[in-house]
Amino acid sequence: MSHSLEMTLSLKMDGLAYPGFPLSRRVQVDEVAPVGYEQDAGAGYTALSGVFGSLSVVVLTTDQALSLRMNNQSNGSLPLNSGGVVVVFDGAIDTGTLLSVLNSGLVNANMNGLLGGT
């Protein structure tokens, strides 16, 4: 079953709308999966992509600092601060381990959001 996901992103600088925003996008995906996941403190990289063959939508928030790797990345990562959000909309994450998360902190990290793809 196909799903239509739509996102509208507003961006302001000093209280004023930034040029080109708000930005609206729509993408069709075959599958969606909610993310409600707790990763143990000090856990190594853990795959989050589940049964997806490819991801085109990643929307994640976290209550603790985390590191993300996408598209089978093996070195470096995308650091995300506590309270941070990462959004990939209409992406092409389709190689190897699609999405993995590292919690190198001292407390468990809670993630929420949505994954979409095929």
N, C-alpha and C. Protein backbone atom coordinates (compact mmCIF):
# COMPACT_ATOMS: atom_id res chain seq x y z
N MET A 1 0.83 -1.18 0.00
CA MET A 1 0.00 0.00 0.00
C MET A 1 0.88 1.24 0.00
N SER A 2 0.61 2.14 -0.88
CA SER A 2 1.38 3.38 -1.01
C SER A 2 0.86 4.44 -0.04
N HIS A 3 1.79 5.23 0.47
CA HIS A 3 1.45 6.30 1.41
C HIS A 3 2.01 7.61 0.88
N SER A 4 1.25 8.66 1.05
CA SER A 4 1.70 10.00 0.67
C SER A 4 2.09 10.76 1.94
N LEU A 5 3.35 11.16 2.02
CA LEU A 5 3.83 11.94 3.16
C LEU A 5 4.08 13.36 2.69
N GLU A 6 3.66 14.31 3.48
CA GLU A 6 3.83 15.72 3.14
C GLU A 6 4.50 16.44 4.30
N MET A 7 5.43 17.32 3.98
CA MET A 7 6.16 18.08 4.98
C MET A 7 6.14 19.55 4.60
N THR A 8 5.92 20.40 5.59
CA THR A 8 6.06 21.85 5.41
C THR A 8 7.08 22.32 6.44
N LEU A 9 8.10 23.00 5.95
CA LEU A 9 9.19 23.47 6.80
C LEU A 9 9.22 24.98 6.79
N SER A 10 9.10 25.56 7.97
CA SER A 10 9.23 27.01 8.13
C SER A 10 10.61 27.32 8.68
N LEU A 11 11.19 28.41 8.24
CA LEU A 11 12.49 28.84 8.74
C LEU A 11 12.46 30.34 8.91
N LYS A 12 12.83 30.78 10.11
CA LYS A 12 12.87 32.22 10.40
C LYS A 12 14.25 32.60 10.90
N MET A 13 14.64 33.81 10.58
CA MET A 13 15.88 34.37 11.10
C MET A 13 15.53 35.70 11.74
N ASP A 14 15.86 35.84 13.00
CA ASP A 14 15.54 37.05 13.76
C ASP A 14 14.06 37.37 13.70
N GLY A 15 13.23 36.32 13.74
CA GLY A 15 11.79 36.50 13.76
C GLY A 15 11.15 36.73 12.40
N LEU A 16 11.94 36.80 11.35
CA LEU A 16 11.41 37.05 10.00
C LEU A 16 11.57 35.81 9.13
N ALA A 17 10.56 35.57 8.29
CA ALA A 17 10.61 34.42 7.39
C ALA A 17 11.86 34.50 6.52
N TYR A 18 12.57 33.38 6.43
CA TYR A 18 13.76 33.31 5.60
C TYR A 18 13.33 33.15 4.14
N PRO A 19 14.03 33.81 3.20
CA PRO A 19 13.63 33.71 1.78
C PRO A 19 13.52 32.26 1.30
N GLY A 20 12.45 31.98 0.58
CA GLY A 20 12.23 30.64 0.05
C GLY A 20 11.46 29.72 0.97
N PHE A 21 11.12 30.20 2.18
CA PHE A 21 10.39 29.39 3.15
C PHE A 21 9.07 30.08 3.48
N PRO A 22 8.03 29.35 3.84
CA PRO A 22 8.03 27.91 4.09
C PRO A 22 8.18 27.10 2.81
N LEU A 23 8.65 25.89 2.99
CA LEU A 23 8.92 24.96 1.91
C LEU A 23 8.04 23.74 2.11
N SER A 24 7.27 23.37 1.09
CA SER A 24 6.40 22.19 1.19
C SER A 24 6.85 21.14 0.18
N ARG A 25 6.85 19.89 0.63
CA ARG A 25 7.22 18.77 -0.23
C ARG A 25 6.30 17.59 0.05
N ARG A 26 6.08 16.79 -0.99
CA ARG A 26 5.30 15.56 -0.86
C ARG A 26 6.08 14.43 -1.50
N VAL A 27 6.03 13.26 -0.87
CA VAL A 27 6.72 12.10 -1.40
C VAL A 27 5.82 10.87 -1.20
N GLN A 28 5.87 9.95 -2.18
CA GLN A 28 5.15 8.69 -2.10
C GLN A 28 6.11 7.61 -1.62
N VAL A 29 5.69 6.82 -0.64
CA VAL A 29 6.49 5.71 -0.15
C VAL A 29 5.60 4.47 -0.08
N ASP A 30 6.22 3.30 -0.18
CA ASP A 30 5.48 2.05 -0.09
C ASP A 30 5.20 1.65 1.35
N GLU A 31 6.13 1.95 2.23
CA GLU A 31 6.02 1.55 3.64
C GLU A 31 6.38 2.71 4.55
N VAL A 32 5.76 2.76 5.71
CA VAL A 32 6.14 3.70 6.76
C VAL A 32 6.28 2.93 8.07
N ALA A 33 7.15 3.41 8.93
CA ALA A 33 7.33 2.79 10.23
C ALA A 33 7.57 3.89 11.26
N PRO A 34 6.76 3.92 12.29
CA PRO A 34 7.02 4.89 13.37
C PRO A 34 8.29 4.49 14.11
N VAL A 35 8.99 5.48 14.61
CA VAL A 35 10.17 5.23 15.43
C VAL A 35 9.84 5.65 16.86
N GLY A 36 9.86 4.69 17.74
CA GLY A 36 9.73 4.91 19.17
C GLY A 36 10.71 3.94 19.79
N TYR A 37 11.94 4.38 19.94
CA TYR A 37 13.04 3.46 20.24
C TYR A 37 13.89 4.03 21.35
N GLU A 38 14.28 3.18 22.29
CA GLU A 38 15.20 3.56 23.35
C GLU A 38 16.50 2.80 23.17
N GLN A 39 17.60 3.54 23.03
CA GLN A 39 18.90 2.89 22.88
C GLN A 39 19.66 2.99 24.19
N ASP A 40 20.20 1.86 24.61
CA ASP A 40 20.95 1.81 25.86
C ASP A 40 22.17 2.71 25.81
N ALA A 41 22.52 3.25 26.97
CA ALA A 41 23.73 4.06 27.10
C ALA A 41 24.94 3.21 26.75
N GLY A 42 25.86 3.78 26.00
CA GLY A 42 27.10 3.09 25.66
C GLY A 42 26.95 2.00 24.62
N ALA A 43 25.77 1.86 24.05
CA ALA A 43 25.56 0.82 23.03
C ALA A 43 26.33 1.17 21.76
N GLY A 44 26.76 0.17 21.04
CA GLY A 44 27.43 0.41 19.76
C GLY A 44 26.41 0.81 18.71
N TYR A 45 26.88 0.97 17.48
CA TYR A 45 25.97 1.33 16.39
C TYR A 45 24.89 0.25 16.23
N THR A 46 23.64 0.69 16.17
CA THR A 46 22.49 -0.19 16.04
C THR A 46 21.70 0.21 14.80
N ALA A 47 21.41 -0.76 13.93
CA ALA A 47 20.63 -0.48 12.72
C ALA A 47 19.18 -0.19 13.09
N LEU A 48 18.62 0.86 12.47
CA LEU A 48 17.23 1.24 12.70
C LEU A 48 16.36 1.03 11.47
N SER A 49 16.92 0.64 10.38
CA SER A 49 16.18 0.64 9.12
C SER A 49 15.23 -0.54 8.96
N GLY A 50 15.29 -1.53 9.84
CA GLY A 50 14.34 -2.63 9.81
C GLY A 50 14.27 -3.34 8.48
N VAL A 51 13.06 -3.48 7.94
CA VAL A 51 12.83 -4.28 6.74
C VAL A 51 12.91 -3.47 5.46
N PHE A 52 13.27 -2.21 5.53
CA PHE A 52 13.31 -1.36 4.35
C PHE A 52 14.46 -1.76 3.43
N GLY A 53 14.19 -1.75 2.12
CA GLY A 53 15.24 -1.92 1.13
C GLY A 53 15.90 -0.60 0.81
N SER A 54 15.14 0.49 0.94
CA SER A 54 15.66 1.84 0.77
C SER A 54 14.81 2.80 1.59
N LEU A 55 15.41 3.89 1.99
CA LEU A 55 14.71 4.92 2.76
C LEU A 55 14.69 6.21 1.96
N SER A 56 13.56 6.84 1.88
CA SER A 56 13.47 8.17 1.28
C SER A 56 13.02 9.21 2.29
N VAL A 57 12.54 8.76 3.46
CA VAL A 57 12.12 9.69 4.52
C VAL A 57 12.70 9.23 5.85
N VAL A 58 13.40 10.15 6.52
CA VAL A 58 13.89 9.93 7.87
C VAL A 58 13.56 11.19 8.65
N VAL A 59 12.76 11.05 9.69
CA VAL A 59 12.46 12.16 10.60
C VAL A 59 12.70 11.63 12.00
N LEU A 60 13.72 12.13 12.68
CA LEU A 60 14.08 11.64 14.01
C LEU A 60 14.31 12.79 14.98
N THR A 61 13.82 12.61 16.19
CA THR A 61 14.16 13.50 17.31
C THR A 61 14.76 12.64 18.41
N THR A 62 15.53 13.26 19.27
CA THR A 62 16.17 12.52 20.36
C THR A 62 16.23 13.37 21.62
N ASP A 63 16.20 12.71 22.76
CA ASP A 63 16.32 13.43 24.02
C ASP A 63 17.75 13.39 24.57
N GLN A 64 18.65 12.71 23.87
CA GLN A 64 20.07 12.64 24.25
C GLN A 64 20.92 12.78 23.00
N ALA A 65 22.17 13.15 23.19
CA ALA A 65 23.08 13.27 22.04
C ALA A 65 23.30 11.89 21.41
N LEU A 66 23.26 11.85 20.08
CA LEU A 66 23.45 10.62 19.32
C LEU A 66 24.33 10.89 18.11
N SER A 67 24.83 9.83 17.52
CA SER A 67 25.52 9.91 16.23
C SER A 67 24.78 9.03 15.24
N LEU A 68 24.55 9.54 14.04
CA LEU A 68 23.84 8.81 12.99
C LEU A 68 24.78 8.50 11.84
N ARG A 69 24.60 7.32 11.27
CA ARG A 69 25.27 6.95 10.03
C ARG A 69 24.20 6.53 9.03
N MET A 70 24.36 6.95 7.78
CA MET A 70 23.41 6.61 6.74
C MET A 70 24.12 6.03 5.53
N ASN A 71 23.40 5.18 4.80
CA ASN A 71 23.87 4.66 3.52
C ASN A 71 25.18 3.89 3.64
N ASN A 72 25.26 3.02 4.66
CA ASN A 72 26.41 2.14 4.87
C ASN A 72 27.70 2.90 5.19
N GLN A 73 27.56 4.09 5.72
CA GLN A 73 28.72 4.89 6.11
C GLN A 73 29.52 4.14 7.17
N SER A 74 30.83 4.08 7.04
CA SER A 74 31.64 3.33 8.00
C SER A 74 32.62 4.21 8.77
N ASN A 75 32.76 5.45 8.36
CA ASN A 75 33.62 6.35 9.12
C ASN A 75 32.90 7.69 9.23
N GLY A 76 33.12 8.37 10.31
CA GLY A 76 32.42 9.62 10.54
C GLY A 76 30.96 9.38 10.85
N SER A 77 30.27 10.43 11.21
CA SER A 77 28.85 10.32 11.52
C SER A 77 28.25 11.72 11.56
N LEU A 78 26.93 11.75 11.67
CA LEU A 78 26.21 13.00 11.84
C LEU A 78 25.86 13.13 13.31
N PRO A 79 26.53 14.02 14.05
CA PRO A 79 26.21 14.18 15.47
C PRO A 79 24.92 14.97 15.65
N LEU A 80 24.09 14.50 16.55
CA LEU A 80 22.81 15.14 16.84
C LEU A 80 22.75 15.43 18.33
N ASN A 81 22.57 16.69 18.69
CA ASN A 81 22.50 17.08 20.09
C ASN A 81 21.21 16.64 20.75
N SER A 82 21.21 16.60 22.06
CA SER A 82 20.00 16.34 22.83
C SER A 82 18.93 17.35 22.43
N GLY A 83 17.73 16.88 22.14
CA GLY A 83 16.66 17.75 21.68
C GLY A 83 16.72 18.07 20.20
N GLY A 84 17.71 17.51 19.50
CA GLY A 84 17.88 17.79 18.08
C GLY A 84 16.90 17.03 17.20
N VAL A 85 16.85 17.45 15.96
CA VAL A 85 16.00 16.79 14.97
C VAL A 85 16.77 16.68 13.66
N VAL A 86 16.59 15.56 12.97
CA VAL A 86 17.17 15.39 11.64
C VAL A 86 16.03 15.02 10.70
N VAL A 87 16.04 15.65 9.52
CA VAL A 87 15.00 15.39 8.53
C VAL A 87 15.66 15.14 7.17
N VAL A 88 15.35 14.00 6.59
CA VAL A 88 15.72 13.70 5.21
C VAL A 88 14.39 13.43 4.52
N PHE A 89 14.08 14.21 3.50
CA PHE A 89 12.79 14.07 2.83
C PHE A 89 13.03 13.98 1.34
N ASP A 90 12.62 12.89 0.74
CA ASP A 90 12.86 12.57 -0.65
C ASP A 90 14.34 12.28 -0.90
N GLY A 91 14.94 11.55 0.04
CA GLY A 91 16.33 11.15 -0.07
C GLY A 91 16.48 9.84 -0.82
N ALA A 92 17.71 9.39 -0.97
CA ALA A 92 18.02 8.12 -1.65
C ALA A 92 19.02 7.35 -0.81
N ILE A 93 18.55 6.84 0.31
CA ILE A 93 19.38 6.06 1.22
C ILE A 93 19.12 4.60 0.87
N ASP A 94 20.05 3.98 0.13
CA ASP A 94 19.73 2.68 -0.45
C ASP A 94 20.90 1.70 -0.49
N THR A 95 21.91 1.90 0.33
CA THR A 95 23.08 1.03 0.29
C THR A 95 23.35 0.43 1.66
N GLY A 96 23.51 -0.88 1.73
CA GLY A 96 23.94 -1.56 2.95
C GLY A 96 23.06 -1.24 4.15
N THR A 97 23.71 -0.93 5.26
CA THR A 97 22.98 -0.54 6.47
C THR A 97 22.46 0.87 6.24
N LEU A 98 21.16 0.99 6.08
CA LEU A 98 20.56 2.26 5.68
C LEU A 98 20.71 3.34 6.73
N LEU A 99 20.44 2.99 7.99
CA LEU A 99 20.47 3.97 9.08
C LEU A 99 20.89 3.28 10.35
N SER A 100 21.92 3.79 11.00
CA SER A 100 22.34 3.24 12.28
C SER A 100 22.61 4.39 13.24
N VAL A 101 22.46 4.08 14.54
CA VAL A 101 22.53 5.09 15.59
C VAL A 101 23.49 4.64 16.67
N LEU A 102 24.27 5.58 17.18
CA LEU A 102 25.21 5.32 18.27
C LEU A 102 24.88 6.23 19.44
N ASN A 103 24.72 5.65 20.62
CA ASN A 103 24.55 6.40 21.87
C ASN A 103 25.79 6.15 22.71
N SER A 104 26.72 7.09 22.70
CA SER A 104 27.94 6.92 23.49
C SER A 104 27.83 7.63 24.83
N GLY A 105 26.63 8.08 25.18
CA GLY A 105 26.41 8.79 26.43
C GLY A 105 26.30 7.87 27.63
N LEU A 106 25.96 8.47 28.76
CA LEU A 106 25.86 7.74 30.01
C LEU A 106 24.43 7.39 30.39
N VAL A 107 23.46 7.88 29.64
CA VAL A 107 22.05 7.56 29.91
C VAL A 107 21.40 7.07 28.62
N ASN A 108 20.33 6.31 28.76
CA ASN A 108 19.61 5.83 27.58
C ASN A 108 19.06 6.98 26.77
N ALA A 109 18.98 6.78 25.47
CA ALA A 109 18.47 7.80 24.55
C ALA A 109 17.13 7.35 23.97
N ASN A 110 16.16 8.25 23.98
CA ASN A 110 14.85 7.98 23.39
C ASN A 110 14.73 8.70 22.07
N MET A 111 14.36 7.94 21.03
CA MET A 111 14.18 8.51 19.70
C MET A 111 12.73 8.34 19.29
N ASN A 112 12.21 9.35 18.60
CA ASN A 112 10.87 9.30 18.06
C ASN A 112 10.91 9.85 16.64
N GLY A 113 9.97 9.42 15.83
CA GLY A 113 9.90 9.93 14.48
C GLY A 113 9.25 8.95 13.54
N LEU A 114 9.71 8.99 12.29
CA LEU A 114 9.10 8.21 11.21
C LEU A 114 10.14 7.88 10.16
N LEU A 115 10.07 6.64 9.66
CA LEU A 115 10.87 6.21 8.53
C LEU A 115 9.92 5.86 7.40
N GLY A 116 10.30 6.18 6.17
CA GLY A 116 9.47 5.82 5.02
C GLY A 116 10.35 5.40 3.85
N GLY A 117 9.88 4.42 3.10
CA GLY A 117 10.64 3.97 1.94
C GLY A 117 10.01 2.76 1.29
N THR A 118 10.88 1.90 0.74
CA THR A 118 10.39 0.69 0.07
C THR A 118 11.02 -0.55 0.67
